[in-house]
Amino acid sequence: SAALAGLSARDIEHLAGLKLRTVADLRGTKEMAVIPSPAIPGCENIPLVIQPRIGASLRDLLKRQEATGEDMIAILAQAYAAYVTEHLPVYRQLFDLILDAARVPLVFHCTAGKDRTGVGAALLLTSLGVPEDQVIADYRATDRFWDRNHALPEGTSKVVADAFLGTHTQLMLETLAAAAAPFGSRQALFEQGLGLTPPRLDALRALLLE
């Protein structure tokens, strides 16, 4: 999901009715403090912090009139690479929560639900054996469902704004490959990087697949 701050009282009541137990928040500490998630009855908010590291570069790029969409994608690529390297333990924690029967149903989110959450969803779907084209289709669905209400600096060109706010198939494919590269295979990524030993992977698939 995207951030939950916009939930109405009716939305919160609906989620409580679904017996939601856990909200895993992938945002940075400042993001959480500025826009806290609302309390949902019967549900615990768990911070799984992925601090934004490209803020200064991003602000500089958005102010540059000559910036291109390719420039923006290059900055996003830096962030995505960090998600599956230095922040991979955070996603391992997310899998631990999903595999804890006391923690589900569970929702995980960042700010937009596109980048940090998108990578998490792609890792989850890939571990479940979902075909790559469907993993990408799920990621690209953000372009249809996310309300792009981010305030960008005045004068940001449309091409740069679209690159920042949109999804990028090749970027996600490269990110999934980068996640597996240090381990030699996706199976080794699941087991060594994400803690999905064969019994735990079987349990995850039993939990989430029909």
N, C-alpha and C. Protein backbone atom coordinates (compact mmCIF):
# COMPACT_ATOMS: atom_id res chain seq x y z
N SER A 1 0.84 -1.19 0.00
CA SER A 1 0.00 0.00 0.00
C SER A 1 0.88 1.25 0.00
N ALA A 2 0.26 2.35 -0.38
CA ALA A 2 0.85 3.66 -0.13
C ALA A 2 0.64 3.99 1.35
N ALA A 3 1.14 5.15 1.79
CA ALA A 3 0.99 5.55 3.18
C ALA A 3 -0.49 5.56 3.57
N LEU A 4 -0.74 5.29 4.85
CA LEU A 4 -2.10 5.11 5.34
C LEU A 4 -2.69 6.37 5.98
N ALA A 5 -1.97 7.47 5.93
CA ALA A 5 -2.41 8.68 6.63
C ALA A 5 -3.74 9.21 6.10
N GLY A 6 -4.07 8.90 4.85
CA GLY A 6 -5.31 9.41 4.28
C GLY A 6 -6.53 8.57 4.56
N LEU A 7 -6.39 7.54 5.37
CA LEU A 7 -7.54 6.69 5.67
C LEU A 7 -8.63 7.49 6.39
N SER A 8 -9.86 7.29 5.95
CA SER A 8 -10.99 7.90 6.63
C SER A 8 -11.42 7.01 7.80
N ALA A 9 -12.30 7.54 8.63
CA ALA A 9 -12.82 6.75 9.75
C ALA A 9 -13.50 5.48 9.24
N ARG A 10 -14.17 5.62 8.10
CA ARG A 10 -14.84 4.44 7.53
C ARG A 10 -13.81 3.43 7.03
N ASP A 11 -12.71 3.91 6.44
CA ASP A 11 -11.64 3.02 5.99
C ASP A 11 -11.06 2.24 7.17
N ILE A 12 -10.80 2.95 8.26
CA ILE A 12 -10.22 2.32 9.45
C ILE A 12 -11.17 1.27 10.01
N GLU A 13 -12.45 1.60 10.03
CA GLU A 13 -13.44 0.63 10.50
C GLU A 13 -13.45 -0.61 9.61
N HIS A 14 -13.32 -0.40 8.31
CA HIS A 14 -13.30 -1.54 7.37
C HIS A 14 -12.09 -2.43 7.61
N LEU A 15 -10.90 -1.82 7.78
CA LEU A 15 -9.70 -2.60 8.01
C LEU A 15 -9.78 -3.34 9.34
N ALA A 16 -10.34 -2.71 10.34
CA ALA A 16 -10.52 -3.40 11.62
C ALA A 16 -11.45 -4.59 11.46
N GLY A 17 -12.45 -4.44 10.61
CA GLY A 17 -13.37 -5.54 10.35
C GLY A 17 -12.73 -6.70 9.62
N LEU A 18 -11.64 -6.43 8.90
CA LEU A 18 -10.89 -7.50 8.23
C LEU A 18 -9.94 -8.20 9.19
N LYS A 19 -9.94 -7.79 10.45
CA LYS A 19 -9.06 -8.36 11.48
C LYS A 19 -7.58 -8.14 11.16
N LEU A 20 -7.28 -7.00 10.51
CA LEU A 20 -5.89 -6.66 10.22
C LEU A 20 -5.12 -6.59 11.53
N ARG A 21 -3.95 -7.27 11.58
CA ARG A 21 -3.19 -7.33 12.83
C ARG A 21 -1.90 -6.52 12.79
N THR A 22 -1.33 -6.33 11.58
CA THR A 22 -0.01 -5.69 11.51
C THR A 22 0.08 -4.72 10.35
N VAL A 23 0.64 -3.55 10.61
CA VAL A 23 1.03 -2.62 9.55
C VAL A 23 2.55 -2.52 9.60
N ALA A 24 3.23 -3.00 8.56
CA ALA A 24 4.68 -2.92 8.46
C ALA A 24 5.02 -1.66 7.66
N ASP A 25 5.67 -0.71 8.31
CA ASP A 25 5.92 0.61 7.73
C ASP A 25 7.38 0.69 7.27
N LEU A 26 7.58 0.76 5.94
CA LEU A 26 8.92 0.77 5.36
C LEU A 26 9.48 2.17 5.21
N ARG A 27 8.82 3.18 5.72
CA ARG A 27 9.29 4.55 5.55
C ARG A 27 10.45 4.87 6.50
N GLY A 28 11.11 5.99 6.22
CA GLY A 28 12.15 6.48 7.10
C GLY A 28 11.57 7.07 8.37
N THR A 29 12.40 7.25 9.37
CA THR A 29 11.91 7.74 10.66
C THR A 29 11.30 9.13 10.55
N LYS A 30 11.88 10.01 9.75
CA LYS A 30 11.33 11.35 9.59
C LYS A 30 9.98 11.29 8.90
N GLU A 31 9.85 10.44 7.88
CA GLU A 31 8.56 10.31 7.20
C GLU A 31 7.49 9.84 8.17
N MET A 32 7.83 8.88 9.02
CA MET A 32 6.85 8.37 9.98
C MET A 32 6.44 9.45 10.97
N ALA A 33 7.43 10.28 11.39
CA ALA A 33 7.13 11.31 12.38
C ALA A 33 6.28 12.43 11.80
N VAL A 34 6.56 12.81 10.55
CA VAL A 34 5.83 13.91 9.92
C VAL A 34 4.41 13.49 9.56
N ILE A 35 4.28 12.27 9.04
CA ILE A 35 2.96 11.77 8.64
C ILE A 35 2.75 10.40 9.28
N PRO A 36 2.36 10.37 10.55
CA PRO A 36 2.19 9.08 11.24
C PRO A 36 1.00 8.30 10.70
N SER A 37 1.11 6.99 10.80
CA SER A 37 0.00 6.14 10.41
C SER A 37 -1.09 6.20 11.48
N PRO A 38 -2.35 6.12 11.08
CA PRO A 38 -3.43 6.15 12.07
C PRO A 38 -3.50 4.84 12.85
N ALA A 39 -4.08 4.91 14.02
CA ALA A 39 -4.29 3.70 14.82
C ALA A 39 -5.47 2.93 14.24
N ILE A 40 -5.28 1.62 14.10
CA ILE A 40 -6.34 0.73 13.63
C ILE A 40 -6.62 -0.25 14.75
N PRO A 41 -7.85 -0.33 15.24
CA PRO A 41 -8.15 -1.22 16.36
C PRO A 41 -7.70 -2.66 16.09
N GLY A 42 -7.01 -3.24 17.07
CA GLY A 42 -6.55 -4.62 16.97
C GLY A 42 -5.31 -4.80 16.14
N CYS A 43 -4.68 -3.69 15.71
CA CYS A 43 -3.55 -3.74 14.77
C CYS A 43 -2.35 -3.02 15.36
N GLU A 44 -1.15 -3.57 15.15
CA GLU A 44 0.07 -2.94 15.63
C GLU A 44 0.89 -2.42 14.46
N ASN A 45 1.38 -1.19 14.58
CA ASN A 45 2.29 -0.62 13.59
C ASN A 45 3.72 -1.04 13.91
N ILE A 46 4.40 -1.66 12.96
CA ILE A 46 5.77 -2.13 13.13
C ILE A 46 6.67 -1.35 12.17
N PRO A 47 7.62 -0.55 12.68
CA PRO A 47 8.53 0.17 11.78
C PRO A 47 9.61 -0.77 11.24
N LEU A 48 9.71 -0.85 9.93
CA LEU A 48 10.80 -1.56 9.24
C LEU A 48 11.50 -0.50 8.40
N VAL A 49 12.41 0.21 9.02
CA VAL A 49 12.90 1.48 8.48
C VAL A 49 13.83 1.30 7.29
N ILE A 50 13.47 1.93 6.17
CA ILE A 50 14.36 2.10 5.02
C ILE A 50 14.48 3.60 4.81
N GLN A 51 15.58 4.17 5.29
CA GLN A 51 15.78 5.61 5.20
C GLN A 51 16.01 6.03 3.75
N PRO A 52 15.32 7.10 3.30
CA PRO A 52 15.62 7.63 1.96
C PRO A 52 17.05 8.15 1.92
N ARG A 53 17.81 7.79 0.87
CA ARG A 53 19.21 8.20 0.77
C ARG A 53 19.49 9.08 -0.44
N ILE A 54 18.47 9.37 -1.23
CA ILE A 54 18.71 10.11 -2.47
C ILE A 54 18.05 11.48 -2.44
N GLY A 55 17.66 11.92 -1.24
CA GLY A 55 16.90 13.16 -1.14
C GLY A 55 17.59 14.36 -1.74
N ALA A 56 18.86 14.59 -1.38
CA ALA A 56 19.57 15.77 -1.88
C ALA A 56 19.74 15.70 -3.39
N SER A 57 20.12 14.54 -3.91
CA SER A 57 20.28 14.39 -5.36
C SER A 57 18.96 14.59 -6.08
N LEU A 58 17.90 14.09 -5.45
CA LEU A 58 16.58 14.22 -6.05
C LEU A 58 16.14 15.67 -6.10
N ARG A 59 16.32 16.38 -5.00
CA ARG A 59 15.92 17.79 -4.97
C ARG A 59 16.71 18.61 -6.00
N ASP A 60 17.99 18.31 -6.09
CA ASP A 60 18.84 19.01 -7.06
C ASP A 60 18.37 18.74 -8.48
N LEU A 61 18.05 17.49 -8.76
CA LEU A 61 17.62 17.13 -10.11
C LEU A 61 16.30 17.80 -10.47
N LEU A 62 15.36 17.82 -9.52
CA LEU A 62 14.05 18.39 -9.80
C LEU A 62 14.12 19.88 -10.09
N LYS A 63 15.18 20.53 -9.61
CA LYS A 63 15.34 21.97 -9.85
C LYS A 63 16.05 22.27 -11.17
N ARG A 64 16.67 21.27 -11.76
CA ARG A 64 17.44 21.49 -12.98
C ARG A 64 16.53 21.46 -14.20
N GLN A 65 16.44 22.55 -14.87
CA GLN A 65 15.54 22.63 -16.02
C GLN A 65 15.98 21.72 -17.16
N GLU A 66 17.29 21.41 -17.21
CA GLU A 66 17.78 20.57 -18.31
C GLU A 66 17.74 19.08 -17.97
N ALA A 67 17.23 18.72 -16.79
CA ALA A 67 17.18 17.32 -16.38
C ALA A 67 16.26 16.53 -17.29
N THR A 68 16.60 15.26 -17.49
CA THR A 68 15.83 14.38 -18.36
C THR A 68 15.21 13.24 -17.55
N GLY A 69 14.32 12.53 -18.21
CA GLY A 69 13.74 11.35 -17.58
C GLY A 69 14.80 10.31 -17.26
N GLU A 70 15.80 10.19 -18.14
CA GLU A 70 16.89 9.24 -17.91
C GLU A 70 17.68 9.60 -16.66
N ASP A 71 17.87 10.91 -16.43
CA ASP A 71 18.55 11.35 -15.21
C ASP A 71 17.79 10.88 -13.97
N MET A 72 16.47 11.02 -14.03
CA MET A 72 15.65 10.62 -12.89
C MET A 72 15.73 9.11 -12.67
N ILE A 73 15.65 8.34 -13.73
CA ILE A 73 15.71 6.88 -13.59
C ILE A 73 17.05 6.46 -13.01
N ALA A 74 18.12 7.16 -13.38
CA ALA A 74 19.44 6.84 -12.84
C ALA A 74 19.48 7.04 -11.33
N ILE A 75 18.81 8.08 -10.83
CA ILE A 75 18.75 8.30 -9.39
C ILE A 75 17.90 7.24 -8.71
N LEU A 76 16.77 6.90 -9.32
CA LEU A 76 15.93 5.84 -8.77
C LEU A 76 16.70 4.52 -8.71
N ALA A 77 17.53 4.28 -9.72
CA ALA A 77 18.31 3.04 -9.77
C ALA A 77 19.24 2.94 -8.56
N GLN A 78 19.80 4.07 -8.12
CA GLN A 78 20.65 4.07 -6.93
C GLN A 78 19.85 3.63 -5.70
N ALA A 79 18.64 4.15 -5.60
CA ALA A 79 17.79 3.80 -4.46
C ALA A 79 17.41 2.32 -4.50
N TYR A 80 16.99 1.85 -5.66
CA TYR A 80 16.56 0.45 -5.79
C TYR A 80 17.72 -0.49 -5.48
N ALA A 81 18.92 -0.13 -5.93
CA ALA A 81 20.09 -0.98 -5.65
C ALA A 81 20.33 -1.07 -4.15
N ALA A 82 20.14 0.05 -3.44
CA ALA A 82 20.33 0.04 -1.98
C ALA A 82 19.27 -0.82 -1.30
N TYR A 83 18.06 -0.82 -1.83
CA TYR A 83 17.00 -1.62 -1.22
C TYR A 83 17.40 -3.09 -1.12
N VAL A 84 18.02 -3.63 -2.18
CA VAL A 84 18.31 -5.07 -2.22
C VAL A 84 19.73 -5.40 -1.79
N THR A 85 20.46 -4.41 -1.29
CA THR A 85 21.80 -4.67 -0.77
C THR A 85 21.82 -4.29 0.71
N GLU A 86 22.03 -3.02 1.02
CA GLU A 86 22.14 -2.64 2.43
C GLU A 86 20.83 -2.80 3.19
N HIS A 87 19.69 -2.74 2.50
CA HIS A 87 18.41 -2.85 3.19
C HIS A 87 17.76 -4.23 3.05
N LEU A 88 18.46 -5.18 2.46
CA LEU A 88 17.87 -6.51 2.31
C LEU A 88 17.44 -7.10 3.67
N PRO A 89 18.20 -6.87 4.77
CA PRO A 89 17.74 -7.39 6.06
C PRO A 89 16.36 -6.88 6.48
N VAL A 90 15.99 -5.69 6.01
CA VAL A 90 14.65 -5.18 6.33
C VAL A 90 13.59 -6.05 5.68
N TYR A 91 13.82 -6.43 4.43
CA TYR A 91 12.86 -7.31 3.75
C TYR A 91 12.83 -8.69 4.40
N ARG A 92 13.97 -9.13 4.93
CA ARG A 92 14.00 -10.39 5.67
C ARG A 92 13.09 -10.29 6.89
N GLN A 93 13.12 -9.14 7.57
CA GLN A 93 12.21 -8.93 8.71
C GLN A 93 10.76 -8.96 8.27
N LEU A 94 10.49 -8.41 7.08
CA LEU A 94 9.12 -8.43 6.56
C LEU A 94 8.64 -9.86 6.36
N PHE A 95 9.50 -10.71 5.79
CA PHE A 95 9.13 -12.11 5.62
C PHE A 95 8.91 -12.79 6.97
N ASP A 96 9.73 -12.43 7.97
CA ASP A 96 9.53 -13.00 9.31
C ASP A 96 8.14 -12.66 9.85
N LEU A 97 7.72 -11.42 9.63
CA LEU A 97 6.39 -11.01 10.09
C LEU A 97 5.29 -11.77 9.36
N ILE A 98 5.43 -11.92 8.05
CA ILE A 98 4.41 -12.61 7.27
C ILE A 98 4.27 -14.06 7.70
N LEU A 99 5.40 -14.66 8.10
CA LEU A 99 5.38 -16.07 8.50
C LEU A 99 4.94 -16.27 9.95
N ASP A 100 4.71 -15.20 10.67
CA ASP A 100 4.25 -15.28 12.06
C ASP A 100 2.72 -15.26 12.06
N ALA A 101 2.13 -16.37 12.45
CA ALA A 101 0.67 -16.50 12.39
C ALA A 101 -0.03 -15.42 13.22
N ALA A 102 0.65 -14.93 14.25
CA ALA A 102 0.04 -13.91 15.11
C ALA A 102 0.06 -12.53 14.46
N ARG A 103 0.78 -12.39 13.33
CA ARG A 103 0.96 -11.09 12.69
C ARG A 103 0.09 -10.89 11.46
N VAL A 104 -0.57 -11.92 10.99
CA VAL A 104 -1.37 -11.79 9.77
C VAL A 104 -2.86 -11.83 10.13
N PRO A 105 -3.67 -11.15 9.32
CA PRO A 105 -3.39 -10.38 8.09
C PRO A 105 -2.45 -9.19 8.34
N LEU A 106 -1.69 -8.86 7.31
CA LEU A 106 -0.65 -7.83 7.39
C LEU A 106 -0.68 -6.97 6.14
N VAL A 107 -0.43 -5.68 6.31
CA VAL A 107 -0.24 -4.79 5.17
C VAL A 107 1.13 -4.14 5.32
N PHE A 108 1.87 -4.02 4.22
CA PHE A 108 3.13 -3.29 4.27
C PHE A 108 3.08 -2.13 3.29
N HIS A 109 3.76 -1.04 3.66
CA HIS A 109 3.65 0.17 2.85
C HIS A 109 4.87 1.05 3.06
N CYS A 110 5.06 1.99 2.13
CA CYS A 110 6.03 3.08 2.29
C CYS A 110 5.26 4.37 2.13
N THR A 111 5.76 5.31 1.34
CA THR A 111 5.02 6.55 1.13
C THR A 111 4.12 6.44 -0.08
N ALA A 112 4.70 6.12 -1.22
CA ALA A 112 3.93 6.00 -2.45
C ALA A 112 3.43 4.59 -2.70
N GLY A 113 4.06 3.60 -2.07
CA GLY A 113 3.71 2.21 -2.36
C GLY A 113 4.28 1.73 -3.67
N LYS A 114 5.27 2.44 -4.19
CA LYS A 114 5.81 2.14 -5.52
C LYS A 114 7.23 1.59 -5.49
N ASP A 115 8.10 2.18 -4.71
CA ASP A 115 9.52 1.86 -4.76
C ASP A 115 9.91 0.86 -3.67
N ARG A 116 9.99 1.30 -2.41
CA ARG A 116 10.34 0.37 -1.34
C ARG A 116 9.30 -0.75 -1.23
N THR A 117 8.03 -0.38 -1.30
CA THR A 117 6.98 -1.39 -1.25
C THR A 117 6.97 -2.23 -2.52
N GLY A 118 7.23 -1.59 -3.66
CA GLY A 118 7.25 -2.32 -4.92
C GLY A 118 8.32 -3.39 -4.95
N VAL A 119 9.49 -3.07 -4.42
CA VAL A 119 10.56 -4.06 -4.36
C VAL A 119 10.17 -5.18 -3.40
N GLY A 120 9.60 -4.83 -2.26
CA GLY A 120 9.16 -5.86 -1.32
C GLY A 120 8.12 -6.79 -1.92
N ALA A 121 7.16 -6.22 -2.64
CA ALA A 121 6.13 -7.04 -3.27
C ALA A 121 6.74 -7.93 -4.35
N ALA A 122 7.70 -7.40 -5.11
CA ALA A 122 8.34 -8.19 -6.16
C ALA A 122 9.13 -9.35 -5.56
N LEU A 123 9.83 -9.11 -4.46
CA LEU A 123 10.56 -10.19 -3.79
C LEU A 123 9.59 -11.25 -3.26
N LEU A 124 8.47 -10.80 -2.69
CA LEU A 124 7.48 -11.73 -2.16
C LEU A 124 6.88 -12.59 -3.28
N LEU A 125 6.43 -11.94 -4.34
CA LEU A 125 5.82 -12.67 -5.44
C LEU A 125 6.82 -13.63 -6.10
N THR A 126 8.06 -13.18 -6.25
CA THR A 126 9.08 -14.03 -6.85
C THR A 126 9.33 -15.26 -5.98
N SER A 127 9.37 -15.07 -4.67
CA SER A 127 9.59 -16.21 -3.77
C SER A 127 8.45 -17.21 -3.83
N LEU A 128 7.27 -16.73 -4.18
CA LEU A 128 6.10 -17.61 -4.29
C LEU A 128 6.05 -18.35 -5.62
N GLY A 129 7.00 -18.05 -6.52
CA GLY A 129 7.04 -18.70 -7.81
C GLY A 129 6.16 -18.06 -8.86
N VAL A 130 5.72 -16.83 -8.62
CA VAL A 130 4.89 -16.12 -9.59
C VAL A 130 5.76 -15.80 -10.82
N PRO A 131 5.25 -16.06 -12.03
CA PRO A 131 6.03 -15.77 -13.24
C PRO A 131 6.45 -14.30 -13.31
N GLU A 132 7.63 -14.06 -13.88
CA GLU A 132 8.21 -12.72 -13.89
C GLU A 132 7.30 -11.70 -14.56
N ASP A 133 6.60 -12.09 -15.64
CA ASP A 133 5.75 -11.11 -16.31
C ASP A 133 4.61 -10.67 -15.41
N GLN A 134 4.13 -11.56 -14.54
CA GLN A 134 3.07 -11.20 -13.62
C GLN A 134 3.60 -10.36 -12.45
N VAL A 135 4.83 -10.62 -12.04
CA VAL A 135 5.47 -9.80 -11.02
C VAL A 135 5.57 -8.36 -11.51
N ILE A 136 6.01 -8.21 -12.77
CA ILE A 136 6.14 -6.87 -13.35
C ILE A 136 4.77 -6.22 -13.54
N ALA A 137 3.78 -7.01 -13.95
CA ALA A 137 2.43 -6.45 -14.12
C ALA A 137 1.89 -5.93 -12.79
N ASP A 138 2.19 -6.63 -11.70
CA ASP A 138 1.76 -6.16 -10.38
C ASP A 138 2.44 -4.85 -10.04
N TYR A 139 3.73 -4.76 -10.31
CA TYR A 139 4.48 -3.51 -10.06
C TYR A 139 3.92 -2.37 -10.90
N ARG A 140 3.67 -2.64 -12.18
CA ARG A 140 3.18 -1.60 -13.08
C ARG A 140 1.76 -1.16 -12.75
N ALA A 141 1.03 -1.97 -12.01
CA ALA A 141 -0.34 -1.60 -11.63
C ALA A 141 -0.37 -0.33 -10.79
N THR A 142 0.76 0.00 -10.17
CA THR A 142 0.85 1.25 -9.41
C THR A 142 0.48 2.45 -10.28
N ASP A 143 0.83 2.38 -11.56
CA ASP A 143 0.54 3.49 -12.46
C ASP A 143 -0.96 3.73 -12.61
N ARG A 144 -1.75 2.68 -12.38
CA ARG A 144 -3.21 2.82 -12.49
C ARG A 144 -3.86 3.19 -11.17
N PHE A 145 -3.31 2.70 -10.08
CA PHE A 145 -4.01 2.81 -8.80
C PHE A 145 -3.50 3.90 -7.88
N TRP A 146 -2.26 4.36 -8.07
CA TRP A 146 -1.71 5.36 -7.15
C TRP A 146 -2.17 6.76 -7.57
N ASP A 147 -2.71 7.48 -6.60
CA ASP A 147 -3.10 8.87 -6.83
C ASP A 147 -1.84 9.72 -6.71
N ARG A 148 -1.34 10.24 -7.84
CA ARG A 148 -0.06 10.96 -7.86
C ARG A 148 -0.24 12.39 -7.33
N ASN A 149 -0.32 12.50 -6.03
CA ASN A 149 -0.57 13.82 -5.44
C ASN A 149 0.68 14.38 -4.76
N HIS A 150 1.86 13.89 -5.16
CA HIS A 150 3.10 14.41 -4.59
C HIS A 150 3.35 15.84 -5.08
N ALA A 151 3.70 16.70 -4.15
CA ALA A 151 4.05 18.07 -4.52
C ALA A 151 5.50 18.10 -4.99
N LEU A 152 5.70 18.52 -6.21
CA LEU A 152 7.05 18.63 -6.78
C LEU A 152 7.41 20.10 -6.92
N PRO A 153 8.72 20.41 -6.95
CA PRO A 153 9.12 21.82 -7.07
C PRO A 153 8.52 22.48 -8.30
N GLU A 154 8.17 23.75 -8.15
CA GLU A 154 7.61 24.50 -9.28
C GLU A 154 8.61 24.48 -10.43
N GLY A 155 8.10 24.23 -11.62
CA GLY A 155 8.95 24.20 -12.80
C GLY A 155 9.47 22.82 -13.15
N THR A 156 9.16 21.81 -12.34
CA THR A 156 9.58 20.44 -12.69
C THR A 156 8.96 20.06 -14.02
N SER A 157 9.77 19.60 -14.94
CA SER A 157 9.25 19.26 -16.26
C SER A 157 8.38 18.01 -16.18
N LYS A 158 7.45 17.89 -17.12
CA LYS A 158 6.55 16.74 -17.13
C LYS A 158 7.32 15.44 -17.31
N VAL A 159 8.34 15.44 -18.13
CA VAL A 159 9.07 14.20 -18.38
C VAL A 159 9.81 13.73 -17.13
N VAL A 160 10.35 14.68 -16.36
CA VAL A 160 11.02 14.32 -15.11
C VAL A 160 10.00 13.87 -14.07
N ALA A 161 8.88 14.59 -13.97
CA ALA A 161 7.83 14.22 -13.02
C ALA A 161 7.29 12.84 -13.33
N ASP A 162 7.05 12.55 -14.60
CA ASP A 162 6.53 11.24 -14.98
C ASP A 162 7.51 10.13 -14.63
N ALA A 163 8.82 10.40 -14.84
CA ALA A 163 9.83 9.40 -14.51
C ALA A 163 9.89 9.16 -13.01
N PHE A 164 9.75 10.22 -12.23
CA PHE A 164 9.81 10.11 -10.77
C PHE A 164 8.59 9.37 -10.22
N LEU A 165 7.43 9.69 -10.74
CA LEU A 165 6.18 9.17 -10.20
C LEU A 165 5.76 7.84 -10.81
N GLY A 166 6.39 7.45 -11.92
CA GLY A 166 5.98 6.25 -12.63
C GLY A 166 6.81 5.03 -12.28
N THR A 167 6.41 3.89 -12.84
CA THR A 167 7.15 2.64 -12.68
C THR A 167 8.04 2.40 -13.89
N HIS A 168 9.02 1.52 -13.72
CA HIS A 168 10.01 1.28 -14.78
C HIS A 168 10.35 -0.21 -14.81
N THR A 169 9.85 -0.87 -15.83
CA THR A 169 10.00 -2.32 -15.93
C THR A 169 11.46 -2.75 -15.87
N GLN A 170 12.30 -2.13 -16.70
CA GLN A 170 13.70 -2.56 -16.75
C GLN A 170 14.39 -2.34 -15.41
N LEU A 171 14.05 -1.27 -14.73
CA LEU A 171 14.64 -1.00 -13.43
C LEU A 171 14.30 -2.11 -12.45
N MET A 172 13.06 -2.55 -12.43
CA MET A 172 12.69 -3.62 -11.50
C MET A 172 13.35 -4.93 -11.88
N LEU A 173 13.44 -5.22 -13.16
CA LEU A 173 14.11 -6.45 -13.59
C LEU A 173 15.58 -6.43 -13.16
N GLU A 174 16.23 -5.29 -13.34
CA GLU A 174 17.64 -5.16 -12.94
C GLU A 174 17.79 -5.27 -11.43
N THR A 175 16.80 -4.76 -10.69
CA THR A 175 16.85 -4.82 -9.23
C THR A 175 16.73 -6.26 -8.74
N LEU A 176 15.83 -7.03 -9.32
CA LEU A 176 15.68 -8.43 -8.93
C LEU A 176 16.95 -9.22 -9.26
N ALA A 177 17.56 -8.90 -10.39
CA ALA A 177 18.82 -9.56 -10.74
C ALA A 177 19.92 -9.17 -9.77
N ALA A 178 19.98 -7.90 -9.39
CA ALA A 178 20.99 -7.42 -8.44
C ALA A 178 20.80 -8.05 -7.07
N ALA A 179 19.55 -8.30 -6.69
CA ALA A 179 19.29 -8.93 -5.40
C ALA A 179 19.87 -10.34 -5.35
N ALA A 180 19.75 -11.07 -6.45
CA ALA A 180 20.22 -12.46 -6.50
C ALA A 180 21.71 -12.57 -6.74
N ALA A 181 22.31 -11.57 -7.38
CA ALA A 181 23.71 -11.67 -7.83
C ALA A 181 24.69 -12.06 -6.73
N PRO A 182 24.67 -11.44 -5.56
CA PRO A 182 25.66 -11.81 -4.54
C PRO A 182 25.53 -13.25 -4.04
N PHE A 183 24.37 -13.85 -4.27
CA PHE A 183 24.11 -15.20 -3.76
C PHE A 183 24.25 -16.27 -4.85
N GLY A 184 24.30 -15.85 -6.09
CA GLY A 184 24.51 -16.78 -7.19
C GLY A 184 23.25 -17.30 -7.85
N SER A 185 22.12 -17.19 -7.17
CA SER A 185 20.85 -17.64 -7.74
C SER A 185 19.72 -17.07 -6.92
N ARG A 186 18.52 -17.09 -7.48
CA ARG A 186 17.36 -16.62 -6.72
C ARG A 186 17.05 -17.55 -5.57
N GLN A 187 17.24 -18.86 -5.77
CA GLN A 187 16.98 -19.79 -4.68
C GLN A 187 17.89 -19.51 -3.50
N ALA A 188 19.16 -19.20 -3.79
CA ALA A 188 20.09 -18.87 -2.71
C ALA A 188 19.74 -17.53 -2.07
N LEU A 189 19.25 -16.59 -2.87
CA LEU A 189 18.77 -15.31 -2.32
C LEU A 189 17.67 -15.57 -1.31
N PHE A 190 16.69 -16.42 -1.68
CA PHE A 190 15.59 -16.70 -0.77
C PHE A 190 16.12 -17.28 0.55
N GLU A 191 17.01 -18.27 0.44
CA GLU A 191 17.45 -19.00 1.62
C GLU A 191 18.45 -18.20 2.45
N GLN A 192 19.48 -17.65 1.81
CA GLN A 192 20.56 -16.99 2.54
C GLN A 192 20.26 -15.51 2.82
N GLY A 193 19.63 -14.84 1.85
CA GLY A 193 19.38 -13.42 2.01
C GLY A 193 18.10 -13.10 2.75
N LEU A 194 17.06 -13.90 2.53
CA LEU A 194 15.75 -13.61 3.10
C LEU A 194 15.32 -14.60 4.17
N GLY A 195 16.19 -15.56 4.48
CA GLY A 195 15.89 -16.51 5.55
C GLY A 195 14.82 -17.52 5.22
N LEU A 196 14.56 -17.70 3.93
CA LEU A 196 13.51 -18.64 3.50
C LEU A 196 14.13 -20.01 3.23
N THR A 197 14.46 -20.70 4.31
CA THR A 197 14.92 -22.07 4.18
C THR A 197 13.81 -22.90 3.54
N PRO A 198 14.12 -24.06 2.99
CA PRO A 198 13.05 -24.84 2.32
C PRO A 198 11.79 -25.02 3.16
N PRO A 199 11.89 -25.36 4.47
CA PRO A 199 10.64 -25.48 5.25
C PRO A 199 9.89 -24.15 5.37
N ARG A 200 10.63 -23.05 5.54
CA ARG A 200 9.98 -21.74 5.67
C ARG A 200 9.38 -21.30 4.34
N LEU A 201 10.06 -21.60 3.24
CA LEU A 201 9.50 -21.27 1.93
C LEU A 201 8.24 -22.08 1.67
N ASP A 202 8.25 -23.35 2.04
CA ASP A 202 7.05 -24.18 1.90
C ASP A 202 5.91 -23.61 2.73
N ALA A 203 6.23 -23.15 3.93
CA ALA A 203 5.20 -22.58 4.82
C ALA A 203 4.63 -21.30 4.22
N LEU A 204 5.51 -20.47 3.65
CA LEU A 204 5.06 -19.22 3.03
C LEU A 204 4.11 -19.51 1.87
N ARG A 205 4.49 -20.46 1.04
CA ARG A 205 3.65 -20.79 -0.11
C ARG A 205 2.34 -21.43 0.32
N ALA A 206 2.36 -22.23 1.38
CA ALA A 206 1.12 -22.82 1.90
C ALA A 206 0.18 -21.73 2.44
N LEU A 207 0.79 -20.71 3.02
CA LEU A 207 0.01 -19.60 3.59
C LEU A 207 -0.64 -18.73 2.54
N LEU A 208 0.07 -18.47 1.45
CA LEU A 208 -0.35 -17.43 0.51
C LEU A 208 -0.84 -17.94 -0.84
N LEU A 209 -0.63 -19.20 -1.14
CA LEU A 209 -1.07 -19.73 -2.44
C LEU A 209 -2.28 -20.62 -2.27
N GLU A 210 -3.17 -20.57 -3.26
CA GLU A 210 -4.34 -21.44 -3.22
C GLU A 210 -3.98 -22.81 -3.81
